[in-house]
PDB file of N, CA and C in Angstrom:
ATOM      1  N   MET A   1    -148.452 200.027  32.623  1.00  0.00           N
ATOM      2  CA  MET A   1    -148.490 198.664  33.034  1.00  0.00           C
ATOM      3  C   MET A   1    -146.843 198.979  32.631  1.00  0.00           C
ATOM      4  N   PRO A   2    -145.983 198.341  33.374  1.00  0.00           N
ATOM      5  CA  PRO A   2    -144.363 198.665  32.879  1.00  0.00           C
ATOM      6  C   PRO A   2    -144.208 197.423  31.677  1.00  0.00           C
ATOM      7  N   VAL A   3    -143.249 197.733  31.498  1.00  0.00           N
ATOM      8  CA  VAL A   3    -142.379 196.530  30.003  1.00  0.00           C
ATOM      9  C   VAL A   3    -141.378 195.863  31.059  1.00  0.00           C
ATOM     10  N   PRO A   4    -141.155 194.759  30.373  1.00  0.00           N
ATOM     11  CA  PRO A   4    -140.645 193.708  31.037  1.00  0.00           C
ATOM     12  C   PRO A   4    -139.336 193.812  30.126  1.00  0.00           C
ATOM     13  N   ILE A   5    -138.215 193.096  31.101  1.00  0.00           N
ATOM     14  CA  ILE A   5    -136.733 193.711  30.759  1.00  0.00           C
ATOM     15  C   ILE A   5    -136.239 192.149  29.678  1.00  0.00           C
ATOM     16  N   PRO A   6    -136.228 192.424  28.626  1.00  0.00           N
ATOM     17  CA  PRO A   6    -135.489 191.228  27.803  1.00  0.00           C
ATOM     18  C   PRO A   6    -134.819 190.645  28.596  1.00  0.00           C
ATOM     19  N   ILE A   7    -135.003 189.015  28.181  1.00  0.00           N
ATOM     20  CA  ILE A   7    -133.657 188.057  29.256  1.00  0.00           C
ATOM     21  C   ILE A   7    -132.619 188.520  28.768  1.00  0.00           C
ATOM     22  N   ALA A   8    -132.441 188.728  27.626  1.00  0.00           N
ATOM     23  CA  ALA A   8    -130.907 189.244  26.724  1.00  0.00           C
ATOM     24  C   ALA A   8    -129.937 190.911  27.926  1.00  0.00           C
ATOM     25  N   HIS A   9    -131.174 191.259  28.604  1.00  0.00           N
ATOM     26  CA  HIS A   9    -130.271 192.321  29.174  1.00  0.00           C
ATOM     27  C   HIS A   9    -130.164 192.020  30.282  1.00  0.00           C
ATOM     28  N   LEU A  10    -130.761 190.956  30.672  1.00  0.00           N
ATOM     29  CA  LEU A  10    -130.339 190.259  32.609  1.00  0.00           C
ATOM     30  C   LEU A  10    -128.908 190.278  32.879  1.00  0.00           C
ATOM     31  N   VAL A  11    -128.431 191.084  33.563  1.00  0.00           N
ATOM     32  CA  VAL A  11    -126.759 190.540  34.268  1.00  0.00           C
ATOM     33  C   VAL A  11    -126.865 189.491  35.289  1.00  0.00           C
ATOM     34  N   PRO A  12    -126.040 188.354  34.849  1.00  0.00           N
ATOM     35  CA  PRO A  12    -126.540 187.378  36.259  1.00  0.00           C
ATOM     36  C   PRO A  12    -125.023 188.144  37.307  1.00  0.00           C
ATOM     37  N   ILE A  13    -125.351 188.074  38.379  1.00  0.00           N
ATOM     38  CA  ILE A  13    -124.529 188.584  39.769  1.00  0.00           C
ATOM     39  C   ILE A  13    -123.846 187.245  40.074  1.00  0.00           C
ATOM     40  N   PRO A  14    -122.684 187.128  40.069  1.00  0.00           N
ATOM     41  CA  PRO A  14    -121.405 186.346  40.222  1.00  0.00           C
ATOM     42  C   PRO A  14    -121.909 185.480  41.397  1.00  0.00           C
ATOM     43  N   THR A  15    -121.588 184.652  41.875  1.00  0.00           N
ATOM     44  CA  THR A  15    -121.410 184.311  43.365  1.00  0.00           C
ATOM     45  C   THR A  15    -120.038 184.248  43.659  1.00  0.00           C
ATOM     46  N   ASN A  16    -120.228 184.686  45.175  1.00  0.00           N
ATOM     47  CA  ASN A  16    -118.981 184.796  45.661  1.00  0.00           C
ATOM     48  C   ASN A  16    -118.554 183.794  46.569  1.00  0.00           C
ATOM     49  N   PRO A  17    -117.037 183.000  45.963  1.00  0.00           N
ATOM     50  CA  PRO A  17    -116.552 181.831  46.695  1.00  0.00           C
ATOM     51  C   PRO A  17    -116.283 181.566  47.690  1.00  0.00           C
ATOM     52  N   ASN A  18    -115.991 182.898  48.367  1.00  0.00           N
ATOM     53  CA  ASN A  18    -115.459 183.363  49.627  1.00  0.00           C
ATOM     54  C   ASN A  18    -116.601 183.034  51.103  1.00  0.00           C
ATOM     55  N   VAL A  19    -117.881 182.930  50.520  1.00  0.00           N
ATOM     56  CA  VAL A  19    -118.749 183.153  51.291  1.00  0.00           C
ATOM     57  C   VAL A  19    -118.776 181.817  52.234  1.00  0.00           C
ATOM     58  N   HIS A  20    -118.761 181.512  53.398  1.00  0.00           N
ATOM     59  CA  HIS A  20    -118.623 180.788  54.235  1.00  0.00           C
ATOM     60  C   HIS A  20    -119.704 180.484  55.463  1.00  0.00           C
ATOM     61  N   VAL A  21    -120.015 179.680  56.155  1.00  0.00           N
ATOM     62  CA  VAL A  21    -121.094 179.491  57.023  1.00  0.00           C
ATOM     63  C   VAL A  21    -120.447 180.460  58.369  1.00  0.00           C
ATOM     64  N   MET A  22    -121.118 181.559  58.874  1.00  0.00           N
ATOM     65  CA  MET A  22    -120.680 182.250  60.617  1.00  0.00           C
ATOM     66  C   MET A  22    -121.423 181.674  61.303  1.00  0.00           C
ATOM     67  N   GLY A  23    -121.029 182.429  62.154  1.00  0.00           N
ATOM     68  CA  GLY A  23    -122.222 182.066  63.881  1.00  0.00           C
ATOM     69  C   GLY A  23    -121.962 180.724  64.767  1.00  0.00           C
ATOM     70  N   SER A  24    -122.824 180.958  65.646  1.00  0.00           N
ATOM     71  CA  SER A  24    -122.395 179.972  66.101  1.00  0.00           C
ATOM     72  C   SER A  24    -124.077 179.112  66.321  1.00  0.00           C
ATOM     73  N   PRO A  25    -123.678 177.878  65.647  1.00  0.00           N
ATOM     74  CA  PRO A  25    -124.825 176.800  65.584  1.00  0.00           C
ATOM     75  C   PRO A  25    -125.937 176.789  66.226  1.00  0.00           C
ATOM     76  N   PRO A  26    -127.052 176.356  66.839  1.00  0.00           N
ATOM     77  CA  PRO A  26    -127.901 176.371  68.147  1.00  0.00           C
ATOM     78  C   PRO A  26    -127.587 174.731  68.371  1.00  0.00           C
ATOM     79  N   GLN A  27    -128.173 175.217  69.939  1.00  0.00           N
ATOM     80  CA  GLN A  27    -127.778 173.822  70.206  1.00  0.00           C
ATOM     81  C   GLN A  27    -128.589 172.857  70.780  1.00  0.00           C
ATOM     82  N   ILE A  28    -128.150 171.364  70.468  1.00  0.00           N
ATOM     83  CA  ILE A  28    -128.789 170.433  70.030  1.00  0.00           C
ATOM     84  C   ILE A  28    -129.992 170.396  70.618  1.00  0.00           C
ATOM     85  N   PHE A  29    -131.691 170.410  70.244  1.00  0.00           N
ATOM     86  CA  PHE A  29    -132.953 170.159  71.107  1.00  0.00           C
ATOM     87  C   PHE A  29    -133.410 169.064  71.247  1.00  0.00           C
ATOM     88  N   ASN A  30    -133.199 168.621  72.274  1.00  0.00           N
ATOM     89  CA  ASN A  30    -133.475 166.969  72.718  1.00  0.00           C
ATOM     90  C   ASN A  30    -134.828 167.025  72.682  1.00  0.00           C
ATOM     91  N   GLY A  31    -135.879 167.946  72.713  1.00  0.00           N
ATOM     92  CA  GLY A  31    -137.510 167.221  73.349  1.00  0.00           C
ATOM     93  C   GLY A  31    -138.036 168.468  74.464  1.00  0.00           C
ATOM     94  N   ASP A  32    -137.106 168.974  74.838  1.00  0.00           N
ATOM     95  CA  ASP A  32    -137.200 169.207  76.284  1.00  0.00           C
ATOM     96  C   ASP A  32    -138.275 170.839  75.978  1.00  0.00           C
ATOM     97  N   ARG A  33    -139.640 170.584  76.458  1.00  0.00           N
ATOM     98  CA  ARG A  33    -139.962 171.515  75.678  1.00  0.00           C
ATOM     99  C   ARG A  33    -139.831 173.525  76.326  1.00  0.00           C
ATOM    100  N   GLN A  34    -139.634 173.124  77.638  1.00  0.00           N
ATOM    101  CA  GLN A  34    -138.985 174.443  78.202  1.00  0.00           C
ATOM    102  C   GLN A  34    -137.764 175.250  77.355  1.00  0.00           C
ATOM    103  N   GLN A  35    -136.887 174.409  76.562  1.00  0.00           N
ATOM    104  CA  GLN A  35    -135.831 174.696  75.891  1.00  0.00           C
ATOM    105  C   GLN A  35    -136.543 175.209  74.207  1.00  0.00           C
ATOM    106  N   ALA A  36    -138.049 174.911  73.787  1.00  0.00           N
ATOM    107  CA  ALA A  36    -138.002 174.945  72.639  1.00  0.00           C
ATOM    108  C   ALA A  36    -138.038 176.419  72.082  1.00  0.00           C
ATOM    109  N   ASP A  37    -138.350 177.555  72.445  1.00  0.00           N
ATOM    110  CA  ASP A  37    -138.035 179.074  72.195  1.00  0.00           C
ATOM    111  C   ASP A  37    -137.009 179.344  72.287  1.00  0.00           C
ATOM    112  N   ALA A  38    -136.213 178.676  73.095  1.00  0.00           N
ATOM    113  CA  ALA A  38    -134.378 179.198  73.241  1.00  0.00           C
ATOM    114  C   ALA A  38    -134.063 178.827  71.878  1.00  0.00           C
ATOM    115  N   PHE A  39    -134.541 177.362  71.072  1.00  0.00           N
ATOM    116  CA  PHE A  39    -133.406 176.753  70.294  1.00  0.00           C
ATOM    117  C   PHE A  39    -134.166 177.643  69.116  1.00  0.00           C
ATOM    118  N   ILE A  40    -135.888 177.301  68.829  1.00  0.00           N
ATOM    119  CA  ILE A  40    -136.062 178.376  67.968  1.00  0.00           C
ATOM    120  C   ILE A  40    -135.538 179.620  67.560  1.00  0.00           C
ATOM    121  N   ASN A  41    -135.230 180.592  68.308  1.00  0.00           N
ATOM    122  CA  ASN A  41    -134.441 181.487  68.112  1.00  0.00           C
ATOM    123  C   ASN A  41    -133.054 181.287  67.966  1.00  0.00           C
ATOM    124  N   GLU A  42    -132.480 180.805  68.155  1.00  0.00           N
ATOM    125  CA  GLU A  42    -131.161 180.338  68.015  1.00  0.00           C
ATOM    126  C   GLU A  42    -131.043 179.557  66.248  1.00  0.00           C
ATOM    127  N   LEU A  43    -131.767 178.619  65.831  1.00  0.00           N
ATOM    128  CA  LEU A  43    -131.881 178.167  64.634  1.00  0.00           C
ATOM    129  C   LEU A  43    -132.210 179.455  63.994  1.00  0.00           C
ATOM    130  N   LEU A  44    -133.022 180.261  64.095  1.00  0.00           N
ATOM    131  CA  LEU A  44    -133.183 181.208  63.040  1.00  0.00           C
ATOM    132  C   LEU A  44    -132.876 181.947  62.712  1.00  0.00           C
ATOM    133  N   THR A  45    -131.359 182.630  63.937  1.00  0.00           N
ATOM    134  CA  THR A  45    -130.512 183.394  64.083  1.00  0.00           C
ATOM    135  C   THR A  45    -129.393 183.011  63.370  1.00  0.00           C
ATOM    136  N   TYR A  46    -128.916 181.427  63.056  1.00  0.00           N
ATOM    137  CA  TYR A  46    -128.076 180.590  62.654  1.00  0.00           C
ATOM    138  C   TYR A  46    -128.450 180.843  60.657  1.00  0.00           C
ATOM    139  N   ILE A  47    -129.269 180.619  60.810  1.00  0.00           N
ATOM    140  CA  ILE A  47    -130.240 180.520  59.359  1.00  0.00           C
ATOM    141  C   ILE A  47    -130.410 182.138  58.817  1.00  0.00           C
ATOM    142  N   HIS A  48    -130.344 183.241  59.517  1.00  0.00           N
ATOM    143  CA  HIS A  48    -130.301 184.777  59.002  1.00  0.00           C
ATOM    144  C   HIS A  48    -128.847 185.006  58.725  1.00  0.00           C
ATOM    145  N   VAL A  49    -128.229 184.644  59.639  1.00  0.00           N
ATOM    146  CA  VAL A  49    -126.745 184.980  59.303  1.00  0.00           C
ATOM    147  C   VAL A  49    -126.189 184.400  58.414  1.00  0.00           C
ATOM    148  N   ASN A  50    -126.589 183.276  57.754  1.00  0.00           N
ATOM    149  CA  ASN A  50    -125.864 182.291  56.877  1.00  0.00           C
ATOM    150  C   ASN A  50    -126.752 182.526  55.482  1.00  0.00           C
ATOM    151  N   ILE A  51    -127.668 183.358  55.480  1.00  0.00           N
ATOM    152  CA  ILE A  51    -128.405 184.062  53.908  1.00  0.00           C
ATOM    153  C   ILE A  51    -127.187 184.092  53.023  1.00  0.00           C
ATOM    154  N   GLY A  52    -127.345 183.229  52.211  1.00  0.00           N
ATOM    155  CA  GLY A  52    -126.355 184.049  50.903  1.00  0.00           C
ATOM    156  C   GLY A  52    -125.254 182.739  50.947  1.00  0.00           C
ATOM    157  N   VAL A  53    -125.193 182.101  51.926  1.00  0.00           N
ATOM    158  CA  VAL A  53    -124.180 180.892  51.873  1.00  0.00           C
ATOM    159  C   VAL A  53    -124.675 179.915  51.147  1.00  0.00           C
ATOM    160  N   PRO A  54    -124.212 179.287  50.249  1.00  0.00           N
ATOM    161  CA  PRO A  54    -124.898 178.008  49.536  1.00  0.00           C
ATOM    162  C   PRO A  54    -125.374 176.882  50.356  1.00  0.00           C
ATOM    163  N   GLY A  55    -126.723 176.529  50.147  1.00  0.00           N
ATOM    164  CA  GLY A  55    -127.113 175.764  50.700  1.00  0.00           C
ATOM    165  C   GLY A  55    -128.539 176.173  51.889  1.00  0.00           C
ATOM    166  N   PHE A  56    -128.254 177.383  52.222  1.00  0.00           N
ATOM    167  CA  PHE A  56    -128.748 177.861  53.047  1.00  0.00           C
ATOM    168  C   PHE A  56    -129.986 178.612  52.166  1.00  0.00           C
ATOM    169  N   GLU A  57    -130.117 178.824  51.438  1.00  0.00           N
ATOM    170  CA  GLU A  57    -130.940 179.795  50.557  1.00  0.00           C
ATOM    171  C   GLU A  57    -132.455 178.749  50.257  1.00  0.00           C
ATOM    172  N   SER A  58    -132.065 177.406  50.014  1.00  0.00           N
ATOM    173  CA  SER A  58    -132.897 176.213  49.672  1.00  0.00           C
ATOM    174  C   SER A  58    -133.997 176.343  50.804  1.00  0.00           C
ATOM    175  N   PRO A  59    -135.117 175.883  51.120  1.00  0.00           N
ATOM    176  CA  PRO A  59    -135.993 175.559  52.187  1.00  0.00           C
ATOM    177  C   PRO A  59    -135.773 174.076  52.145  1.00  0.00           C
ATOM    178  N   MET A  60    -135.750 173.199  51.861  1.00  0.00           N
ATOM    179  CA  MET A  60    -135.776 171.736  51.689  1.00  0.00           C
ATOM    180  C   MET A  60    -134.043 171.683  52.799  1.00  0.00           C
ATOM    181  N   ARG A  61    -133.181 172.397  52.531  1.00  0.00           N
ATOM    182  CA  ARG A  61    -132.048 172.351  52.769  1.00  0.00           C
ATOM    183  C   ARG A  61    -131.900 173.064  54.118  1.00  0.00           C
ATOM    184  N   LYS A  62    -132.592 173.866  54.638  1.00  0.00           N
ATOM    185  CA  LYS A  62    -132.630 174.836  55.628  1.00  0.00           C
ATOM    186  C   LYS A  62    -133.301 173.444  57.081  1.00  0.00           C
ATOM    187  N   ILE A  63    -134.418 173.076  56.299  1.00  0.00           N
ATOM    188  CA  ILE A  63    -135.169 171.880  57.225  1.00  0.00           C
ATOM    189  C   ILE A  63    -134.053 171.091  57.366  1.00  0.00           C
ATOM    190  N   ALA A  64    -133.551 170.206  56.511  1.00  0.00           N
ATOM    191  CA  ALA A  64    -132.503 169.235  56.732  1.00  0.00           C
ATOM    192  C   ALA A  64    -131.617 169.848  57.701  1.00  0.00           C
ATOM    193  N   ILE A  65    -130.783 170.914  57.542  1.00  0.00           N
ATOM    194  CA  ILE A  65    -129.875 171.298  58.535  1.00  0.00           C
ATOM    195  C   ILE A  65    -130.933 171.572  59.860  1.00  0.00           C
ATOM    196  N   ALA A  66    -131.824 172.243  59.944  1.00  0.00           N
ATOM    197  CA  ALA A  66    -133.062 171.970  61.381  1.00  0.00           C
ATOM    198  C   ALA A  66    -132.532 170.904  62.162  1.00  0.00           C
ATOM    199  N   LEU A  67    -132.575 170.068  61.144  1.00  0.00           N
ATOM    200  CA  LEU A  67    -132.912 168.608  61.164  1.00  0.00           C
ATOM    201  C   LEU A  67    -131.918 167.687  62.341  1.00  0.00           C
ATOM    202  N   THR A  68    -130.751 168.109  61.818  1.00  0.00           N
ATOM    203  CA  THR A  68    -129.876 168.014  61.932  1.00  0.00           C
ATOM    204  C   THR A  68    -129.625 168.235  63.764  1.00  0.00           C
ATOM    205  N   TYR A  69    -129.804 169.707  63.841  1.00  0.00           N
ATOM    206  CA  TYR A  69    -129.831 169.731  65.717  1.00  0.00           C
ATOM    207  C   TYR A  69    -130.997 169.492  66.727  1.00  0.00           C
ATOM    208  N   ILE A  70    -131.363 168.179  66.087  1.00  0.00           N
ATOM    209  CA  ILE A  70    -133.152 168.007  66.689  1.00  0.00           C
ATOM    210  C   ILE A  70    -132.500 166.069  66.836  1.00  0.00           C
ATOM    211  N   LYS A  71    -131.936 165.974  68.429  1.00  0.00           N
ATOM    212  CA  LYS A  71    -131.678 164.501  68.370  1.00  0.00           C
ATOM    213  C   LYS A  71    -132.130 164.460  69.832  1.00  0.00           C
ATOM    214  N   GLY A  72    -132.464 162.914  70.156  1.00  0.00           N
ATOM    215  CA  GLY A  72    -132.916 162.219  71.347  1.00  0.00           C
ATOM    216  C   GLY A  72    -133.971 161.543  71.512  1.00  0.00           C
ATOM    217  N   ASP A  73    -133.947 160.640  72.271  1.00  0.00           N
ATOM    218  CA  ASP A  73    -134.816 159.651  72.453  1.00  0.00           C
ATOM    219  C   ASP A  73    -136.607 160.196  72.674  1.00  0.00           C
ATOM    220  N   LYS A  74    -136.472 161.516  73.008  1.00  0.00           N
ATOM    221  CA  LYS A  74    -138.053 162.483  72.536  1.00  0.00           C
ATOM    222  C   LYS A  74    -138.479 162.852  71.414  1.00  0.00           C
ATOM    223  N   VAL A  75    -137.521 162.497  70.612  1.00  0.00           N
ATOM    224  CA  VAL A  75    -137.471 163.460  69.418  1.00  0.00           C
ATOM    225  C   VAL A  75    -137.211 162.628  67.979  1.00  0.00           C
ATOM    226  N   ASN A  76    -136.484 161.275  68.014  1.00  0.00           N
ATOM    227  CA  ASN A  76    -135.829 160.710  67.206  1.00  0.00           C
ATOM    228  C   ASN A  76    -137.060 160.453  65.974  1.00  0.00           C
ATOM    229  N   ARG A  77    -138.041 159.465  66.376  1.00  0.00           N
ATOM    230  CA  ARG A  77    -138.871 159.380  65.719  1.00  0.00           C
ATOM    231  C   ARG A  77    -139.607 160.609  64.746  1.00  0.00           C
ATOM    232  N   TRP A  78    -139.855 161.456  65.324  1.00  0.00           N
ATOM    233  CA  TRP A  78    -140.669 162.743  64.285  1.00  0.00           C
ATOM    234  C   TRP A  78    -139.385 163.165  63.764  1.00  0.00           C
ATOM    235  N   VAL A  79    -138.317 163.657  64.010  1.00  0.00           N
ATOM    236  CA  VAL A  79    -136.829 164.050  62.825  1.00  0.00           C
ATOM    237  C   VAL A  79    -137.060 162.867  61.497  1.00  0.00           C
ATOM    238  N   LYS A  80    -137.401 161.504  62.444  1.00  0.00           N
ATOM    239  CA  LYS A  80    -137.349 160.525  60.979  1.00  0.00           C
ATOM    240  C   LYS A  80    -138.294 160.936  60.118  1.00  0.00           C
ATOM    241  N   ARG A  81    -139.530 161.128  60.844  1.00  0.00           N
ATOM    242  CA  ARG A  81    -140.849 161.111  60.060  1.00  0.00           C
ATOM    243  C   ARG A  81    -140.662 162.344  59.250  1.00  0.00           C
ATOM    244  N   ILE A  82    -140.399 163.641  59.505  1.00  0.00           N
ATOM    245  CA  ILE A  82    -140.209 164.612  58.921  1.00  0.00           C
ATOM    246  C   ILE A  82    -139.202 164.292  57.478  1.00  0.00           C
ATOM    247  N   ALA A  83    -138.064 163.900  58.126  1.00  0.00           N
ATOM    248  CA  ALA A  83    -136.676 163.887  56.936  1.00  0.00           C
ATOM    249  C   ALA A  83    -137.304 162.416  56.138  1.00  0.00           C
ATOM    250  N   GLU A  84    -138.101 162.207  56.089  1.00  0.00           N
ATOM    251  CA  GLU A  84    -138.868 160.988  54.768  1.00  0.00           C
ATOM    252  C   GLU A  84    -139.638 161.653  53.915  1.00  0.00           C
TER     253      GLU A  84
END
């Protein structure tokens, strides 16, 4: 069984203050089911490109970010329920 490393020996990795959001955000999804797969692919790519950027690490923030790109009469009520 491996011996655990004492907490005092762990070295924190400093954050890079120059990390910033990169890539193109996804197109707004308005509820058109024919565009759903394309939207999801664009959203996942955007999130993956920005791993390491503050805010993109938290699952709650990822959901909030995704919801900002879902807008329109067909989806507004759904977005509101998910956000709550």
